């Protein structure tokens, strides 16, 4: 019985589902970053507010000054594009994880459960 389980666990698996997931994840993240830039949500949620409700223990996380948040979102978009194409995937996904976690931790009034999911998916 244990040998059958071991054989099943070590059997080669087709990589196409992982490739599809990486492409789809990169595309959806690129689309999400585009929405924030296109609908001017960057300014509304991260530049205009005078006060941010931080998560407990993360009061030190604060938004970048002025238009630097736009540059930050452009960098996230470039990273999402790299994830979608598989360019420098490991570096891109790690940087995307830290960038998106930073966005998630900026203000808990912007909390969306799929932002938490995106942070977790980019971590694994």
PDB file of N, CA and C in Angstrom:
ATOM      1  N   UNK A   1       0.827  -1.199   0.000  1.00  0.00           N
ATOM      2  CA  UNK A   1       0.000   0.000   0.000  1.00  0.00           C
ATOM      3  C   UNK A   1       0.870   1.261   0.000  1.00  0.00           C
ATOM      4  N   UNK A   2       1.889   1.292   0.854  1.00  0.00           N
ATOM      5  CA  UNK A   2       2.757   2.466   0.939  1.00  0.00           C
ATOM      6  C   UNK A   2       3.537   2.669  -0.367  1.00  0.00           C
ATOM      7  N   UNK A   3       3.905   1.562  -1.002  1.00  0.00           N
ATOM      8  CA  UNK A   3       4.631   1.670  -2.266  1.00  0.00           C
ATOM      9  C   UNK A   3       3.740   2.281  -3.348  1.00  0.00           C
ATOM     10  N   UNK A   4       2.456   1.906  -3.370  1.00  0.00           N
ATOM     11  CA  UNK A   4       1.522   2.470  -4.349  1.00  0.00           C
ATOM     12  C   UNK A   4       1.351   3.968  -4.130  1.00  0.00           C
ATOM     13  N   UNK A   5       1.280   4.373  -2.875  1.00  0.00           N
ATOM     14  CA  UNK A   5       1.151   5.802  -2.564  1.00  0.00           C
ATOM     15  C   UNK A   5       2.409   6.538  -2.996  1.00  0.00           C
ATOM     16  N   UNK A   6       3.558   5.942  -2.689  1.00  0.00           N
ATOM     17  CA  UNK A   6       4.830   6.562  -3.076  1.00  0.00           C
ATOM     18  C   UNK A   6       4.933   6.670  -4.595  1.00  0.00           C
ATOM     19  N   UNK A   7       4.542   5.610  -5.312  1.00  0.00           N
ATOM     20  CA  UNK A   7       4.575   5.640  -6.776  1.00  0.00           C
ATOM     21  C   UNK A   7       3.640   6.718  -7.323  1.00  0.00           C
ATOM     22  N   UNK A   8       2.468   6.833  -6.748  1.00  0.00           N
ATOM     23  CA  UNK A   8       1.495   7.839  -7.189  1.00  0.00           C
ATOM     24  C   UNK A   8       2.012   9.255  -6.928  1.00  0.00           C
ATOM     25  N   UNK A   9       2.648   9.447  -5.766  1.00  0.00           N
ATOM     26  CA  UNK A   9       3.150  10.774  -5.403  1.00  0.00           C
ATOM     27  C   UNK A   9       4.368  11.187  -6.232  1.00  0.00           C
ATOM     28  N   UNK A  10       5.131  10.223  -6.734  1.00  0.00           N
ATOM     29  CA  UNK A  10       6.341  10.550  -7.495  1.00  0.00           C
ATOM     30  C   UNK A  10       6.144  10.407  -9.003  1.00  0.00           C
ATOM     31  N   UNK A  11       4.924  10.122  -9.428  1.00  0.00           N
ATOM     32  CA  UNK A  11       4.627   9.984 -10.852  1.00  0.00           C
ATOM     33  C   UNK A  11       4.752  11.346 -11.540  1.00  0.00           C
ATOM     34  N   UNK A  12       5.379  11.413 -12.705  1.00  0.00           N
ATOM     35  CA  UNK A  12       5.495  12.686 -13.427  1.00  0.00           C
ATOM     36  C   UNK A  12       4.112  13.263 -13.750  1.00  0.00           C
ATOM     37  N   UNK A  13       4.029  14.580 -13.688  1.00  0.00           N
ATOM     38  CA  UNK A  13       2.767  15.278 -13.938  1.00  0.00           C
ATOM     39  C   UNK A  13       2.991  16.297 -15.044  1.00  0.00           C
ATOM     40  N   UNK A  14       2.000  16.453 -15.893  1.00  0.00           N
ATOM     41  CA  UNK A  14       2.076  17.440 -16.971  1.00  0.00           C
ATOM     42  C   UNK A  14       2.099  18.849 -16.384  1.00  0.00           C
ATOM     43  N   UNK A  15       2.955  19.703 -16.910  1.00  0.00           N
ATOM     44  CA  UNK A  15       3.154  21.039 -16.363  1.00  0.00           C
ATOM     45  C   UNK A  15       2.174  22.064 -16.950  1.00  0.00           C
ATOM     46  N   UNK A  16       1.353  21.664 -17.902  1.00  0.00           N
ATOM     47  CA  UNK A  16       0.506  22.628 -18.607  1.00  0.00           C
ATOM     48  C   UNK A  16      -0.471  23.357 -17.685  1.00  0.00           C
ATOM     49  N   UNK A  17      -0.967  22.706 -16.647  1.00  0.00           N
ATOM     50  CA  UNK A  17      -1.889  23.391 -15.728  1.00  0.00           C
ATOM     51  C   UNK A  17      -1.169  24.493 -14.951  1.00  0.00           C
ATOM     52  N   UNK A  18       0.070  24.268 -14.566  1.00  0.00           N
ATOM     53  CA  UNK A  18       0.850  25.296 -13.876  1.00  0.00           C
ATOM     54  C   UNK A  18       1.158  26.463 -14.810  1.00  0.00           C
ATOM     55  N   UNK A  19       1.486  26.156 -16.050  1.00  0.00           N
ATOM     56  CA  UNK A  19       1.749  27.203 -17.037  1.00  0.00           C
ATOM     57  C   UNK A  19       0.496  28.043 -17.247  1.00  0.00           C
ATOM     58  N   UNK A  20      -0.655  27.384 -17.399  1.00  0.00           N
ATOM     59  CA  UNK A  20      -1.912  28.111 -17.576  1.00  0.00           C
ATOM     60  C   UNK A  20      -2.192  29.004 -16.373  1.00  0.00           C
ATOM     61  N   UNK A  21      -1.992  28.476 -15.165  1.00  0.00           N
ATOM     62  CA  UNK A  21      -2.249  29.277 -13.966  1.00  0.00           C
ATOM     63  C   UNK A  21      -1.344  30.501 -13.919  1.00  0.00           C
ATOM     64  N   UNK A  22      -0.074  30.333 -14.219  1.00  0.00           N
ATOM     65  CA  UNK A  22       0.861  31.466 -14.180  1.00  0.00           C
ATOM     66  C   UNK A  22       0.487  32.530 -15.205  1.00  0.00           C
ATOM     67  N   UNK A  23       0.114  32.105 -16.405  1.00  0.00           N
ATOM     68  CA  UNK A  23      -0.299  33.061 -17.437  1.00  0.00           C
ATOM     69  C   UNK A  23      -1.575  33.775 -17.008  1.00  0.00           C
ATOM     70  N   UNK A  24      -2.556  33.016 -16.528  1.00  0.00           N
ATOM     71  CA  UNK A  24      -3.826  33.618 -16.105  1.00  0.00           C
ATOM     72  C   UNK A  24      -3.624  34.555 -14.918  1.00  0.00           C
ATOM     73  N   UNK A  25      -2.828  34.150 -13.947  1.00  0.00           N
ATOM     74  CA  UNK A  25      -2.563  34.990 -12.780  1.00  0.00           C
ATOM     75  C   UNK A  25      -1.892  36.291 -13.207  1.00  0.00           C
ATOM     76  N   UNK A  26      -0.890  36.205 -14.056  1.00  0.00           N
ATOM     77  CA  UNK A  26      -0.210  37.402 -14.542  1.00  0.00           C
ATOM     78  C   UNK A  26      -1.150  38.315 -15.305  1.00  0.00           C
ATOM     79  N   UNK A  27      -2.017  37.737 -16.136  1.00  0.00           N
ATOM     80  CA  UNK A  27      -2.973  38.543 -16.901  1.00  0.00           C
ATOM     81  C   UNK A  27      -3.960  39.252 -15.985  1.00  0.00           C
ATOM     82  N   UNK A  28      -4.508  38.536 -15.020  1.00  0.00           N
ATOM     83  CA  UNK A  28      -5.476  39.142 -14.096  1.00  0.00           C
ATOM     84  C   UNK A  28      -4.812  40.225 -13.250  1.00  0.00           C
ATOM     85  N   UNK A  29      -3.583  40.015 -12.834  1.00  0.00           N
ATOM     86  CA  UNK A  29      -2.890  41.043 -12.054  1.00  0.00           C
ATOM     87  C   UNK A  29      -2.576  42.270 -12.912  1.00  0.00           C
ATOM     88  N   UNK A  30      -2.208  42.056 -14.165  1.00  0.00           N
ATOM     89  CA  UNK A  30      -1.983  43.173 -15.080  1.00  0.00           C
ATOM     90  C   UNK A  30      -3.278  43.955 -15.289  1.00  0.00           C
ATOM     91  N   UNK A  31      -4.375  43.250 -15.442  1.00  0.00           N
ATOM     92  CA  UNK A  31      -5.692  43.876 -15.595  1.00  0.00           C
ATOM     93  C   UNK A  31      -6.059  44.666 -14.336  1.00  0.00           C
ATOM     94  N   UNK A  32      -5.808  44.108 -13.168  1.00  0.00           N
ATOM     95  CA  UNK A  32      -6.128  44.782 -11.902  1.00  0.00           C
ATOM     96  C   UNK A  32      -5.304  46.059 -11.732  1.00  0.00           C
ATOM     97  N   UNK A  33      -4.030  45.995 -12.032  1.00  0.00           N
ATOM     98  CA  UNK A  33      -3.183  47.188 -11.949  1.00  0.00           C
ATOM     99  C   UNK A  33      -3.668  48.233 -12.952  1.00  0.00           C
ATOM    100  N   UNK A  34      -4.044  47.793 -14.144  1.00  0.00           N
ATOM    101  CA  UNK A  34      -4.582  48.704 -15.148  1.00  0.00           C
ATOM    102  C   UNK A  34      -5.860  49.383 -14.701  1.00  0.00           C
ATOM    103  N   UNK A  35      -6.703  48.648 -13.984  1.00  0.00           N
ATOM    104  CA  UNK A  35      -7.935  49.247 -13.451  1.00  0.00           C
ATOM    105  C   UNK A  35      -7.614  50.339 -12.444  1.00  0.00           C
ATOM    106  N   UNK A  36      -6.672  50.085 -11.567  1.00  0.00           N
ATOM    107  CA  UNK A  36      -6.301  51.099 -10.575  1.00  0.00           C
ATOM    108  C   UNK A  36      -5.740  52.350 -11.244  1.00  0.00           C
ATOM    109  N   UNK A  37      -4.962  52.167 -12.282  1.00  0.00           N
ATOM    110  CA  UNK A  37      -4.403  53.323 -12.985  1.00  0.00           C
ATOM    111  C   UNK A  37      -5.462  54.014 -13.844  1.00  0.00           C
ATOM    112  N   UNK A  38      -6.285  53.231 -14.533  1.00  0.00           N
ATOM    113  CA  UNK A  38      -7.275  53.784 -15.448  1.00  0.00           C
ATOM    114  C   UNK A  38      -8.426  54.506 -14.770  1.00  0.00           C
ATOM    115  N   UNK A  39      -8.839  54.023 -13.618  1.00  0.00           N
ATOM    116  CA  UNK A  39      -9.970  54.634 -12.905  1.00  0.00           C
ATOM    117  C   UNK A  39      -9.517  55.631 -11.849  1.00  0.00           C
ATOM    118  N   UNK A  40      -8.236  55.926 -11.841  1.00  0.00           N
ATOM    119  CA  UNK A  40      -7.638  56.894 -10.919  1.00  0.00           C
ATOM    120  C   UNK A  40      -7.834  56.512  -9.446  1.00  0.00           C
ATOM    121  N   UNK A  41      -7.879  55.214  -9.192  1.00  0.00           N
ATOM    122  CA  UNK A  41      -8.023  54.740  -7.814  1.00  0.00           C
ATOM    123  C   UNK A  41      -6.733  54.920  -7.031  1.00  0.00           C
ATOM    124  N   UNK A  42      -5.614  55.010  -7.718  1.00  0.00           N
ATOM    125  CA  UNK A  42      -4.336  55.218  -7.026  1.00  0.00           C
ATOM    126  C   UNK A  42      -4.404  56.514  -6.232  1.00  0.00           C
ATOM    127  N   UNK A  43      -4.843  57.566  -6.891  1.00  0.00           N
ATOM    128  CA  UNK A  43      -4.942  58.858  -6.202  1.00  0.00           C
ATOM    129  C   UNK A  43      -6.015  58.822  -5.124  1.00  0.00           C
ATOM    130  N   UNK A  44      -7.154  58.234  -5.454  1.00  0.00           N
ATOM    131  CA  UNK A  44      -8.287  58.210  -4.515  1.00  0.00           C
ATOM    132  C   UNK A  44      -7.971  57.451  -3.229  1.00  0.00           C
ATOM    133  N   UNK A  45      -7.311  56.309  -3.357  1.00  0.00           N
ATOM    134  CA  UNK A  45      -7.097  55.449  -2.193  1.00  0.00           C
ATOM    135  C   UNK A  45      -5.733  55.610  -1.524  1.00  0.00           C
ATOM    136  N   UNK A  46      -4.732  56.055  -2.271  1.00  0.00           N
ATOM    137  CA  UNK A  46      -3.383  56.046  -1.716  1.00  0.00           C
ATOM    138  C   UNK A  46      -2.694  57.406  -1.653  1.00  0.00           C
ATOM    139  N   UNK A  47      -3.164  58.382  -2.422  1.00  0.00           N
ATOM    140  CA  UNK A  47      -2.515  59.697  -2.415  1.00  0.00           C
ATOM    141  C   UNK A  47      -3.350  60.736  -1.670  1.00  0.00           C
ATOM    142  N   UNK A  48      -4.655  60.807  -1.953  1.00  0.00           N
ATOM    143  CA  UNK A  48      -5.524  61.841  -1.374  1.00  0.00           C
ATOM    144  C   UNK A  48      -5.772  61.736   0.130  1.00  0.00           C
ATOM    145  N   UNK A  49      -5.984  60.532   0.689  1.00  0.00           N
ATOM    146  CA  UNK A  49      -6.341  60.475   2.119  1.00  0.00           C
ATOM    147  C   UNK A  49      -5.271  61.093   3.023  1.00  0.00           C
ATOM    148  N   UNK A  50      -5.757  61.753   4.071  1.00  0.00           N
ATOM    149  CA  UNK A  50      -4.850  62.346   5.058  1.00  0.00           C
ATOM    150  C   UNK A  50      -4.537  61.378   6.193  1.00  0.00           C
ATOM    151  N   UNK A  51      -5.389  60.363   6.368  1.00  0.00           N
ATOM    152  CA  UNK A  51      -5.217  59.418   7.468  1.00  0.00           C
ATOM    153  C   UNK A  51      -5.449  58.010   6.939  1.00  0.00           C
ATOM    154  N   UNK A  52      -4.661  57.069   7.419  1.00  0.00           N
ATOM    155  CA  UNK A  52      -4.780  55.673   7.009  1.00  0.00           C
ATOM    156  C   UNK A  52      -4.997  54.811   8.246  1.00  0.00           C
ATOM    157  N   UNK A  53      -5.935  53.893   8.155  1.00  0.00           N
ATOM    158  CA  UNK A  53      -6.189  52.939   9.232  1.00  0.00           C
ATOM    159  C   UNK A  53      -5.282  51.737   9.001  1.00  0.00           C
ATOM    160  N   UNK A  54      -4.196  51.698   9.714  1.00  0.00           N
ATOM    161  CA  UNK A  54      -3.211  50.641   9.498  1.00  0.00           C
ATOM    162  C   UNK A  54      -3.587  49.380  10.264  1.00  0.00           C
ATOM    163  N   UNK A  55      -3.067  48.271   9.800  1.00  0.00           N
ATOM    164  CA  UNK A  55      -3.240  47.012  10.504  1.00  0.00           C
ATOM    165  C   UNK A  55      -2.369  47.030  11.752  1.00  0.00           C
ATOM    166  N   UNK A  56      -2.839  46.348  12.784  1.00  0.00           N
ATOM    167  CA  UNK A  56      -2.100  46.310  14.037  1.00  0.00           C
ATOM    168  C   UNK A  56      -0.703  45.729  13.796  1.00  0.00           C
ATOM    169  N   UNK A  57       0.291  46.452  14.262  1.00  0.00           N
ATOM    170  CA  UNK A  57       1.672  46.025  14.090  1.00  0.00           C
ATOM    171  C   UNK A  57       2.312  46.518  12.803  1.00  0.00           C
ATOM    172  N   UNK A  58       1.516  47.140  11.934  1.00  0.00           N
ATOM    173  CA  UNK A  58       2.044  47.625  10.662  1.00  0.00           C
ATOM    174  C   UNK A  58       1.838  49.123  10.501  1.00  0.00           C
ATOM    175  N   UNK A  59       1.862  49.853  11.601  1.00  0.00           N
ATOM    176  CA  UNK A  59       1.722  51.300  11.562  1.00  0.00           C
ATOM    177  C   UNK A  59       2.870  51.982  10.839  1.00  0.00           C
ATOM    178  N   UNK A  60       3.979  51.296  10.718  1.00  0.00           N
ATOM    179  CA  UNK A  60       5.148  51.851  10.040  1.00  0.00           C
ATOM    180  C   UNK A  60       5.009  51.821   8.518  1.00  0.00           C
ATOM    181  N   UNK A  61       4.014  51.085   7.999  1.00  0.00           N
ATOM    182  CA  UNK A  61       3.800  51.026   6.555  1.00  0.00           C
ATOM    183  C   UNK A  61       3.016  52.266   6.134  1.00  0.00           C
ATOM    184  N   UNK A  62       3.593  53.059   5.254  1.00  0.00           N
ATOM    185  CA  UNK A  62       2.914  54.276   4.794  1.00  0.00           C
ATOM    186  C   UNK A  62       3.077  54.406   3.281  1.00  0.00           C
ATOM    187  N   UNK A  63       2.147  55.120   2.639  1.00  0.00           N
ATOM    188  CA  UNK A  63       2.226  55.263   1.181  1.00  0.00           C
ATOM    189  C   UNK A  63       3.434  56.084   0.745  1.00  0.00           C
ATOM    190  N   UNK A  64       3.854  55.852  -0.450  1.00  0.00           N
ATOM    191  CA  UNK A  64       4.940  56.634  -1.029  1.00  0.00           C
ATOM    192  C   UNK A  64       4.450  58.053  -1.283  1.00  0.00           C
ATOM    193  N   UNK A  65       5.355  58.979  -1.303  1.00  0.00           N
ATOM    194  CA  UNK A  65       4.995  60.392  -1.461  1.00  0.00           C
ATOM    195  C   UNK A  65       4.597  60.715  -2.898  1.00  0.00           C
ATOM    196  N   UNK A  66       3.539  61.505  -3.038  1.00  0.00           N
ATOM    197  CA  UNK A  66       3.134  62.069  -4.322  1.00  0.00           C
ATOM    198  C   UNK A  66       2.937  61.059  -5.426  1.00  0.00           C
ATOM    199  N   UNK A  67       3.527  61.347  -6.562  1.00  0.00           N
ATOM    200  CA  UNK A  67       3.335  60.510  -7.744  1.00  0.00           C
ATOM    201  C   UNK A  67       4.151  59.223  -7.717  1.00  0.00           C
ATOM    202  N   UNK A  68       4.902  59.001  -6.682  1.00  0.00           N
ATOM    203  CA  UNK A  68       5.678  57.763  -6.578  1.00  0.00           C
ATOM    204  C   UNK A  68       4.763  56.541  -6.515  1.00  0.00           C
ATOM    205  N   UNK A  69       3.535  56.724  -6.038  1.00  0.00           N
ATOM    206  CA  UNK A  69       2.589  55.600  -6.021  1.00  0.00           C
ATOM    207  C   UNK A  69       2.224  55.185  -7.448  1.00  0.00           C
ATOM    208  N   UNK A  70       2.150  56.144  -8.363  1.00  0.00           N
ATOM    209  CA  UNK A  70       1.894  55.799  -9.764  1.00  0.00           C
ATOM    210  C   UNK A  70       3.050  54.984 -10.331  1.00  0.00           C
ATOM    211  N   UNK A  71       4.260  55.381 -10.015  1.00  0.00           N
ATOM    212  CA  UNK A  71       5.439  54.638 -10.462  1.00  0.00           C
ATOM    213  C   UNK A  71       5.415  53.236  -9.862  1.00  0.00           C
ATOM    214  N   UNK A  72       5.028  53.144  -8.596  1.00  0.00           N
ATOM    215  CA  UNK A  72       4.933  51.847  -7.930  1.00  0.00           C
ATOM    216  C   UNK A  72       3.940  50.941  -8.659  1.00  0.00           C
ATOM    217  N   UNK A  73       2.779  51.481  -9.027  1.00  0.00           N
ATOM    218  CA  UNK A  73       1.789  50.687  -9.752  1.00  0.00           C
ATOM    219  C   UNK A  73       2.292  50.303 -11.142  1.00  0.00           C
ATOM    220  N   UNK A  74       3.019  51.179 -11.793  1.00  0.00           N
ATOM    221  CA  UNK A  74       3.608  50.828 -13.090  1.00  0.00           C
ATOM    222  C   UNK A  74       4.594  49.672 -12.943  1.00  0.00           C
ATOM    223  N   UNK A  75       5.387  49.703 -11.886  1.00  0.00           N
ATOM    224  CA  UNK A  75       6.326  48.607 -11.631  1.00  0.00           C
ATOM    225  C   UNK A  75       5.571  47.314 -11.364  1.00  0.00           C
ATOM    226  N   UNK A  76       4.478  47.388 -10.585  1.00  0.00           N
ATOM    227  CA  UNK A  76       3.656  46.192 -10.362  1.00  0.00           C
ATOM    228  C   UNK A  76       3.102  45.662 -11.684  1.00  0.00           C
ATOM    229  N   UNK A  77       2.694  46.564 -12.566  1.00  0.00           N
ATOM    230  CA  UNK A  77       2.195  46.150 -13.877  1.00  0.00           C
ATOM    231  C   UNK A  77       3.267  45.463 -14.704  1.00  0.00           C
ATOM    232  N   UNK A  78       4.471  45.990 -14.677  1.00  0.00           N
ATOM    233  CA  UNK A  78       5.586  45.363 -15.396  1.00  0.00           C
ATOM    234  C   UNK A  78       5.878  43.983 -14.821  1.00  0.00           C
ATOM    235  N   UNK A  79       5.849  43.873 -13.501  1.00  0.00           N
ATOM    236  CA  UNK A  79       6.078  42.569 -12.868  1.00  0.00           C
ATOM    237  C   UNK A  79       4.977  41.578 -13.245  1.00  0.00           C
ATOM    238  N   UNK A  80       3.717  42.036 -13.271  1.00  0.00           N
ATOM    239  CA  UNK A  80       2.606  41.166 -13.667  1.00  0.00           C
ATOM    240  C   UNK A  80       2.779  40.714 -15.116  1.00  0.00           C
ATOM    241  N   UNK A  81       3.236  41.611 -15.971  1.00  0.00           N
ATOM    242  CA  UNK A  81       3.492  41.267 -17.373  1.00  0.00           C
ATOM    243  C   UNK A  81       4.590  40.203 -17.465  1.00  0.00           C
ATOM    244  N   UNK A  82       5.641  40.363 -16.682  1.00  0.00           N
ATOM    245  CA  UNK A  82       6.725  39.370 -16.655  1.00  0.00           C
ATOM    246  C   UNK A  82       6.225  38.024 -16.142  1.00  0.00           C
ATOM    247  N   UNK A  83       5.354  38.044 -15.137  1.00  0.00           N
ATOM    248  CA  UNK A  83       4.777  36.800 -14.623  1.00  0.00           C
ATOM    249  C   UNK A  83       3.971  36.121 -15.721  1.00  0.00           C
ATOM    250  N   UNK A  84       3.171  36.915 -16.436  1.00  0.00           N
ATOM    251  CA  UNK A  84       2.325  36.375 -17.496  1.00  0.00           C
ATOM    252  C   UNK A  84       3.163  35.720 -18.595  1.00  0.00           C
ATOM    253  N   UNK A  85       4.281  36.335 -18.953  1.00  0.00           N
ATOM    254  CA  UNK A  85       5.128  35.797 -20.019  1.00  0.00           C
ATOM    255  C   UNK A  85       6.169  34.798 -19.525  1.00  0.00           C
ATOM    256  N   UNK A  86       6.330  34.696 -18.212  1.00  0.00           N
ATOM    257  CA  UNK A  86       7.324  33.789 -17.656  1.00  0.00           C
ATOM    258  C   UNK A  86       8.733  34.355 -17.692  1.00  0.00           C
ATOM    259  N   UNK A  87       8.854  35.668 -17.864  1.00  0.00           N
ATOM    260  CA  UNK A  87      10.172  36.306 -17.889  1.00  0.00           C
ATOM    261  C   UNK A  87      10.676  36.522 -16.468  1.00  0.00           C
ATOM    262  N   UNK A  88      11.844  36.020 -16.184  1.00  0.00           N
ATOM    263  CA  UNK A  88      12.433  36.173 -14.845  1.00  0.00           C
ATOM    264  C   UNK A  88      11.382  35.847 -13.777  1.00  0.00           C
ATOM    265  N   UNK A  89      10.711  34.712 -13.955  1.00  0.00           N
ATOM    266  CA  UNK A  89       9.524  34.406 -13.155  1.00  0.00           C
ATOM    267  C   UNK A  89       9.785  34.454 -11.655  1.00  0.00           C
ATOM    268  N   UNK A  90      10.817  33.809 -11.200  1.00  0.00           N
ATOM    269  CA  UNK A  90      11.060  33.740  -9.751  1.00  0.00           C
ATOM    270  C   UNK A  90      11.294  35.117  -9.154  1.00  0.00           C
ATOM    271  N   UNK A  91      12.089  35.919  -9.808  1.00  0.00           N
ATOM    272  CA  UNK A  91      12.339  37.281  -9.325  1.00  0.00           C
ATOM    273  C   UNK A  91      11.064  38.111  -9.397  1.00  0.00           C
ATOM    274  N   UNK A  92      10.345  37.993 -10.504  1.00  0.00           N
ATOM    275  CA  UNK A  92       9.125  38.781 -10.700  1.00  0.00           C
ATOM    276  C   UNK A  92       8.067  38.448  -9.662  1.00  0.00           C
ATOM    277  N   UNK A  93       7.865  37.174  -9.376  1.00  0.00           N
ATOM    278  CA  UNK A  93       6.797  36.795  -8.446  1.00  0.00           C
ATOM    279  C   UNK A  93       7.162  37.190  -7.017  1.00  0.00           C
ATOM    280  N   UNK A  94       8.427  37.105  -6.653  1.00  0.00           N
ATOM    281  CA  UNK A  94       8.843  37.519  -5.306  1.00  0.00           C
ATOM    282  C   UNK A  94       8.652  39.023  -5.137  1.00  0.00           C
ATOM    283  N   UNK A  95       9.093  39.802  -6.117  1.00  0.00           N
ATOM    284  CA  UNK A  95       8.918  41.254  -6.043  1.00  0.00           C
ATOM    285  C   UNK A  95       7.441  41.633  -6.077  1.00  0.00           C
ATOM    286  N   UNK A  96       6.656  40.913  -6.885  1.00  0.00           N
ATOM    287  CA  UNK A  96       5.217  41.181  -6.937  1.00  0.00           C
ATOM    288  C   UNK A  96       4.568  40.880  -5.589  1.00  0.00           C
ATOM    289  N   UNK A  97       4.977  39.787  -4.962  1.00  0.00           N
ATOM    290  CA  UNK A  97       4.443  39.448  -3.639  1.00  0.00           C
ATOM    291  C   UNK A  97       4.702  40.567  -2.645  1.00  0.00           C
ATOM    292  N   UNK A  98       5.936  41.029  -2.560  1.00  0.00           N
ATOM    293  CA  UNK A  98       6.250  42.095  -1.606  1.00  0.00           C
ATOM    294  C   UNK A  98       5.513  43.387  -1.952  1.00  0.00           C
ATOM    295  N   UNK A  99       5.412  43.696  -3.232  1.00  0.00           N
ATOM    296  CA  UNK A  99       4.693  44.902  -3.640  1.00  0.00           C
ATOM    297  C   UNK A  99       3.214  44.832  -3.328  1.00  0.00           C
ATOM    298  N   UNK A 100       2.591  43.701  -3.618  1.00  0.00           N
ATOM    299  CA  UNK A 100       1.155  43.584  -3.364  1.00  0.00           C
ATOM    300  C   UNK A 100       0.869  43.483  -1.874  1.00  0.00           C
ATOM    301  N   UNK A 101       1.747  42.831  -1.125  1.00  0.00           N
ATOM    302  CA  UNK A 101       1.584  42.791   0.333  1.00  0.00           C
ATOM    303  C   UNK A 101       1.685  44.196   0.906  1.00  0.00           C
ATOM    304  N   UNK A 102       2.582  45.003   0.363  1.00  0.00           N
ATOM    305  CA  UNK A 102       2.700  46.404   0.779  1.00  0.00           C
ATOM    306  C   UNK A 102       1.385  47.137   0.538  1.00  0.00           C
ATOM    307  N   UNK A 103       0.789  46.971  -0.645  1.00  0.00           N
ATOM    308  CA  UNK A 103      -0.504  47.613  -0.932  1.00  0.00           C
ATOM    309  C   UNK A 103      -1.578  47.143   0.032  1.00  0.00           C
ATOM    310  N   UNK A 104      -1.586  45.851   0.291  1.00  0.00           N
ATOM    311  CA  UNK A 104      -2.587  45.275   1.185  1.00  0.00           C
ATOM    312  C   UNK A 104      -2.466  45.852   2.591  1.00  0.00           C
ATOM    313  N   UNK A 105      -1.250  46.060   3.057  1.00  0.00           N
ATOM    314  CA  UNK A 105      -1.025  46.518   4.427  1.00  0.00           C
ATOM    315  C   UNK A 105      -1.119  48.031   4.603  1.00  0.00           C
ATOM    316  N   UNK A 106      -1.230  48.781   3.521  1.00  0.00           N
ATOM    317  CA  UNK A 106      -1.271  50.242   3.629  1.00  0.00           C
ATOM    318  C   UNK A 106      -2.466  50.750   4.427  1.00  0.00           C
ATOM    319  N   UNK A 107      -3.639  50.229   4.138  1.00  0.00           N
ATOM    320  CA  UNK A 107      -4.850  50.765   4.754  1.00  0.00           C
ATOM    321  C   UNK A 107      -5.907  49.679   4.808  1.00  0.00           C
ATOM    322  N   UNK A 108      -6.383  49.371   6.004  1.00  0.00           N
ATOM    323  CA  UNK A 108      -7.353  48.284   6.103  1.00  0.00           C
ATOM    324  C   UNK A 108      -8.738  48.680   5.623  1.00  0.00           C
ATOM    325  N   UNK A 109      -8.997  49.972   5.389  1.00  0.00           N
ATOM    326  CA  UNK A 109     -10.297  50.351   4.821  1.00  0.00           C
ATOM    327  C   UNK A 109     -10.378  49.984   3.345  1.00  0.00           C
ATOM    328  N   UNK A 110      -9.258  49.700   2.714  1.00  0.00           N
ATOM    329  CA  UNK A 110      -9.241  49.238   1.322  1.00  0.00           C
ATOM    330  C   UNK A 110      -9.283  47.718   1.241  1.00  0.00           C
ATOM    331  N   UNK A 111      -9.559  47.048   2.347  1.00  0.00           N
ATOM    332  CA  UNK A 111      -9.503  45.588   2.409  1.00  0.00           C
ATOM    333  C   UNK A 111     -10.471  44.956   1.418  1.00  0.00           C
ATOM    334  N   UNK A 112      -9.970  44.069   0.635  1.00  0.00           N
ATOM    335  CA  UNK A 112     -10.775  43.219  -0.232  1.00  0.00           C
ATOM    336  C   UNK A 112     -10.260  41.805  -0.030  1.00  0.00           C
ATOM    337  N   UNK A 113     -11.179  40.857   0.149  1.00  0.00           N
ATOM    338  CA  UNK A 113     -10.728  39.502   0.447  1.00  0.00           C
ATOM    339  C   UNK A 113      -9.895  38.924  -0.690  1.00  0.00           C
ATOM    340  N   UNK A 114     -10.138  39.361  -1.930  1.00  0.00           N
ATOM    341  CA  UNK A 114      -9.310  38.817  -3.008  1.00  0.00           C
ATOM    342  C   UNK A 114      -7.912  39.430  -3.004  1.00  0.00           C
ATOM    343  N   UNK A 115      -7.720  40.587  -2.363  1.00  0.00           N
ATOM    344  CA  UNK A 115      -6.361  41.114  -2.203  1.00  0.00           C
ATOM    345  C   UNK A 115      -5.556  40.206  -1.280  1.00  0.00           C
ATOM    346  N   UNK A 116      -6.201  39.710  -0.251  1.00  0.00           N
ATOM    347  CA  UNK A 116      -5.547  38.755   0.646  1.00  0.00           C
ATOM    348  C   UNK A 116      -5.208  37.480  -0.131  1.00  0.00           C
ATOM    349  N   UNK A 117      -6.150  37.024  -0.945  1.00  0.00           N
ATOM    350  CA  UNK A 117      -5.921  35.828  -1.756  1.00  0.00           C
ATOM    351  C   UNK A 117      -4.767  36.040  -2.736  1.00  0.00           C
ATOM    352  N   UNK A 118      -4.736  37.203  -3.380  1.00  0.00           N
ATOM    353  CA  UNK A 118      -3.654  37.505  -4.324  1.00  0.00           C
ATOM    354  C   UNK A 118      -2.306  37.479  -3.609  1.00  0.00           C
ATOM    355  N   UNK A 119      -2.266  38.049  -2.414  1.00  0.00           N
ATOM    356  CA  UNK A 119      -1.024  38.047  -1.643  1.00  0.00           C
ATOM    357  C   UNK A 119      -0.593  36.616  -1.329  1.00  0.00           C
ATOM    358  N   UNK A 120      -1.539  35.780  -0.911  1.00  0.00           N
ATOM    359  CA  UNK A 120      -1.204  34.385  -0.604  1.00  0.00           C
ATOM    360  C   UNK A 120      -0.781  33.613  -1.853  1.00  0.00           C
ATOM    361  N   UNK A 121      -1.507  33.789  -2.958  1.00  0.00           N
ATOM    362  CA  UNK A 121      -1.161  33.069  -4.187  1.00  0.00           C
ATOM    363  C   UNK A 121       0.202  33.481  -4.720  1.00  0.00           C
ATOM    364  N   UNK A 122       0.521  34.760  -4.615  1.00  0.00           N
ATOM    365  CA  UNK A 122       1.837  35.175  -5.102  1.00  0.00           C
ATOM    366  C   UNK A 122       2.946  34.714  -4.163  1.00  0.00           C
ATOM    367  N   UNK A 123       2.601  34.418  -2.911  1.00  0.00           N
ATOM    368  CA  UNK A 123       3.597  33.885  -1.979  1.00  0.00           C
ATOM    369  C   UNK A 123       3.939  32.438  -2.313  1.00  0.00           C
ATOM    370  N   UNK A 124       2.923  31.643  -2.626  1.00  0.00           N
ATOM    371  CA  UNK A 124       3.199  30.232  -2.913  1.00  0.00           C
ATOM    372  C   UNK A 124       3.633  30.055  -4.341  1.00  0.00           C
TER     373      UNK A 124
END
